[in-house]
Amino acid sequence: MTNPIFRGWRVNVLVIAAALSLLGMAVDARGATQVTFSKDVAPIFQAKCQECNQPSSIAPMSLITYQDARP
C-alpha cells in the first residue's frame, strides 16, 4: 500500500513536468517568446501545487517563489 503523502508528491511532480512540457510546446508554436516563472509557471503552481508545496506542509519542497522552485 502506498503512503498517500508520497503518492501526492508523485502526482505533483507529474503535474509540474506536464506543465513545463506544455509551456515548451507553446513557446515552439508561438516562436521565440520568453517564458518566465512569474508569468507562465507561477500561475500553474498557484492553481495546482502550492496548497501542499509550501513551507511546513506535507510536500517535500516549497514552490512559492522562484528561488524555492528552482532547485
N, C-alpha and C. Protein backbone atom coordinates (compact mmCIF):
# COMPACT_ATOMS: atom_id res chain seq x y z
N MET A 1 0.84 -1.17 0.00
CA MET A 1 0.00 0.00 0.00
C MET A 1 0.90 1.25 0.00
N THR A 2 0.55 2.21 -0.79
CA THR A 2 1.35 3.42 -0.93
C THR A 2 0.91 4.47 0.09
N ASN A 3 1.89 5.11 0.70
CA ASN A 3 1.62 6.19 1.62
C ASN A 3 1.00 7.35 0.83
N PRO A 4 -0.15 7.91 1.26
CA PRO A 4 -0.81 8.96 0.48
C PRO A 4 0.03 10.22 0.31
N ILE A 5 0.92 10.50 1.25
CA ILE A 5 1.78 11.69 1.11
C ILE A 5 2.72 11.51 -0.08
N PHE A 6 3.33 10.34 -0.20
CA PHE A 6 4.25 10.12 -1.30
C PHE A 6 3.52 9.99 -2.62
N ARG A 7 2.32 9.41 -2.61
CA ARG A 7 1.53 9.31 -3.83
C ARG A 7 1.21 10.73 -4.33
N GLY A 8 0.83 11.63 -3.41
CA GLY A 8 0.53 13.01 -3.77
C GLY A 8 1.77 13.72 -4.30
N TRP A 9 2.91 13.42 -3.73
CA TRP A 9 4.17 14.03 -4.19
C TRP A 9 4.45 13.62 -5.63
N ARG A 10 4.23 12.33 -5.95
CA ARG A 10 4.47 11.88 -7.33
C ARG A 10 3.50 12.56 -8.29
N VAL A 11 2.26 12.74 -7.89
CA VAL A 11 1.29 13.44 -8.73
C VAL A 11 1.73 14.87 -8.96
N ASN A 12 2.23 15.53 -7.92
CA ASN A 12 2.72 16.91 -8.07
C ASN A 12 3.87 16.97 -9.06
N VAL A 13 4.78 16.04 -8.98
CA VAL A 13 5.92 16.02 -9.90
C VAL A 13 5.42 15.82 -11.33
N LEU A 14 4.45 14.94 -11.51
CA LEU A 14 3.89 14.73 -12.85
C LEU A 14 3.18 15.97 -13.37
N VAL A 15 2.46 16.66 -12.52
CA VAL A 15 1.78 17.90 -12.92
C VAL A 15 2.81 18.95 -13.33
N ILE A 16 3.87 19.08 -12.56
CA ILE A 16 4.92 20.05 -12.87
C ILE A 16 5.58 19.71 -14.21
N ALA A 17 5.91 18.43 -14.40
CA ALA A 17 6.55 18.01 -15.65
C ALA A 17 5.63 18.27 -16.84
N ALA A 18 4.36 17.95 -16.69
CA ALA A 18 3.41 18.18 -17.78
C ALA A 18 3.27 19.67 -18.08
N ALA A 19 3.20 20.49 -17.04
CA ALA A 19 3.07 21.93 -17.24
C ALA A 19 4.29 22.49 -17.96
N LEU A 20 5.46 22.08 -17.55
CA LEU A 20 6.68 22.59 -18.19
C LEU A 20 6.78 22.12 -19.64
N SER A 21 6.37 20.88 -19.92
CA SER A 21 6.43 20.42 -21.31
C SER A 21 5.41 21.15 -22.17
N LEU A 22 4.22 21.44 -21.62
CA LEU A 22 3.22 22.21 -22.35
C LEU A 22 3.71 23.62 -22.62
N LEU A 23 4.40 24.21 -21.65
CA LEU A 23 4.97 25.54 -21.86
C LEU A 23 6.00 25.51 -22.98
N GLY A 24 6.80 24.46 -23.02
CA GLY A 24 7.78 24.33 -24.09
C GLY A 24 7.13 24.23 -25.45
N MET A 25 6.04 23.47 -25.56
CA MET A 25 5.34 23.36 -26.84
C MET A 25 4.70 24.68 -27.21
N ALA A 26 4.17 25.42 -26.23
CA ALA A 26 3.56 26.71 -26.53
C ALA A 26 4.59 27.70 -27.04
N VAL A 27 5.78 27.67 -26.48
CA VAL A 27 6.85 28.55 -26.95
C VAL A 27 7.22 28.19 -28.38
N ASP A 28 7.35 26.91 -28.69
CA ASP A 28 7.67 26.49 -30.06
C ASP A 28 6.59 26.93 -31.03
N ALA A 29 5.33 26.84 -30.62
CA ALA A 29 4.22 27.20 -31.51
C ALA A 29 4.15 28.70 -31.75
N ARG A 30 4.54 29.51 -30.77
CA ARG A 30 4.45 30.96 -30.90
C ARG A 30 5.74 31.60 -31.40
N GLY A 31 6.78 30.86 -31.49
CA GLY A 31 8.06 31.43 -31.90
C GLY A 31 8.97 31.62 -30.71
N ALA A 32 9.75 32.67 -30.72
CA ALA A 32 10.78 32.89 -29.70
C ALA A 32 10.24 33.71 -28.53
N THR A 33 9.10 33.32 -27.96
CA THR A 33 8.54 34.02 -26.81
C THR A 33 9.29 33.60 -25.56
N GLN A 34 9.63 34.56 -24.72
CA GLN A 34 10.35 34.28 -23.49
C GLN A 34 9.40 33.75 -22.42
N VAL A 35 9.68 32.58 -21.89
CA VAL A 35 8.92 32.01 -20.80
C VAL A 35 9.51 32.51 -19.50
N THR A 36 8.66 33.01 -18.61
CA THR A 36 9.13 33.48 -17.30
C THR A 36 8.41 32.72 -16.19
N PHE A 37 9.07 32.65 -15.04
CA PHE A 37 8.46 31.98 -13.90
C PHE A 37 7.19 32.71 -13.47
N SER A 38 7.26 34.02 -13.30
CA SER A 38 6.12 34.76 -12.76
C SER A 38 4.93 34.80 -13.72
N LYS A 39 5.19 34.85 -15.01
CA LYS A 39 4.10 34.95 -15.98
C LYS A 39 3.54 33.59 -16.39
N ASP A 40 4.38 32.59 -16.54
CA ASP A 40 3.96 31.32 -17.12
C ASP A 40 3.91 30.15 -16.13
N VAL A 41 4.87 30.04 -15.24
CA VAL A 41 4.97 28.88 -14.36
C VAL A 41 4.22 29.11 -13.04
N ALA A 42 4.40 30.27 -12.43
CA ALA A 42 3.79 30.54 -11.12
C ALA A 42 2.27 30.36 -11.12
N PRO A 43 1.53 30.81 -12.14
CA PRO A 43 0.08 30.58 -12.12
C PRO A 43 -0.31 29.10 -12.08
N ILE A 44 0.46 28.25 -12.73
CA ILE A 44 0.20 26.80 -12.70
C ILE A 44 0.47 26.27 -11.30
N PHE A 45 1.60 26.66 -10.71
CA PHE A 45 1.93 26.23 -9.35
C PHE A 45 0.85 26.71 -8.36
N GLN A 46 0.39 27.96 -8.52
CA GLN A 46 -0.60 28.51 -7.60
C GLN A 46 -1.92 27.74 -7.70
N ALA A 47 -2.31 27.37 -8.90
CA ALA A 47 -3.58 26.66 -9.09
C ALA A 47 -3.52 25.20 -8.69
N LYS A 48 -2.38 24.54 -8.91
CA LYS A 48 -2.32 23.09 -8.76
C LYS A 48 -1.39 22.58 -7.67
N CYS A 49 -0.43 23.36 -7.23
CA CYS A 49 0.63 22.80 -6.39
C CYS A 49 0.84 23.47 -5.04
N GLN A 50 0.61 24.77 -4.94
CA GLN A 50 1.05 25.49 -3.75
C GLN A 50 0.26 25.16 -2.48
N GLU A 51 -0.90 24.56 -2.62
CA GLU A 51 -1.65 24.20 -1.42
C GLU A 51 -0.84 23.24 -0.55
N CYS A 52 -0.16 22.30 -1.18
CA CYS A 52 0.66 21.33 -0.43
C CYS A 52 2.14 21.68 -0.44
N ASN A 53 2.62 22.36 -1.48
CA ASN A 53 4.04 22.66 -1.63
C ASN A 53 4.35 24.05 -1.09
N GLN A 54 4.32 24.15 0.24
CA GLN A 54 4.67 25.38 0.93
C GLN A 54 5.42 25.00 2.20
N PRO A 55 6.13 25.94 2.79
CA PRO A 55 6.89 25.60 4.00
C PRO A 55 5.99 25.01 5.08
N SER A 56 6.50 24.01 5.77
CA SER A 56 5.81 23.33 6.87
C SER A 56 4.52 22.64 6.44
N SER A 57 4.48 22.15 5.20
CA SER A 57 3.32 21.42 4.71
C SER A 57 3.72 19.98 4.41
N ILE A 58 2.82 19.20 3.79
CA ILE A 58 3.09 17.78 3.59
C ILE A 58 4.03 17.49 2.43
N ALA A 59 4.18 18.40 1.52
CA ALA A 59 5.05 18.17 0.35
C ALA A 59 6.52 18.37 0.74
N PRO A 60 7.42 17.74 -0.02
CA PRO A 60 8.83 17.80 0.35
C PRO A 60 9.54 19.12 0.05
N MET A 61 8.90 20.02 -0.72
CA MET A 61 9.57 21.27 -1.04
C MET A 61 8.55 22.37 -1.26
N SER A 62 8.98 23.60 -1.10
CA SER A 62 8.12 24.75 -1.32
C SER A 62 8.19 25.17 -2.78
N LEU A 63 7.05 25.62 -3.32
CA LEU A 63 7.01 26.14 -4.69
C LEU A 63 6.41 27.55 -4.71
N ILE A 64 6.60 28.28 -3.64
CA ILE A 64 6.02 29.61 -3.51
C ILE A 64 6.79 30.63 -4.34
N THR A 65 8.11 30.60 -4.31
CA THR A 65 8.91 31.57 -5.05
C THR A 65 9.80 30.85 -6.06
N TYR A 66 10.34 31.61 -6.96
CA TYR A 66 11.28 31.06 -7.95
C TYR A 66 12.48 30.43 -7.26
N GLN A 67 12.99 31.09 -6.22
CA GLN A 67 14.16 30.57 -5.51
C GLN A 67 13.84 29.21 -4.85
N ASP A 68 12.61 29.03 -4.39
CA ASP A 68 12.20 27.76 -3.81
C ASP A 68 12.08 26.67 -4.88
N ALA A 69 11.51 27.02 -6.02
CA ALA A 69 11.20 26.04 -7.07
C ALA A 69 12.41 25.67 -7.91
N ARG A 70 13.35 26.56 -8.09
CA ARG A 70 14.47 26.32 -9.00
C ARG A 70 15.30 25.08 -8.69
N PRO A 71 15.67 24.82 -7.42
CA PRO A 71 16.49 23.62 -7.15
C PRO A 71 15.75 22.36 -7.52
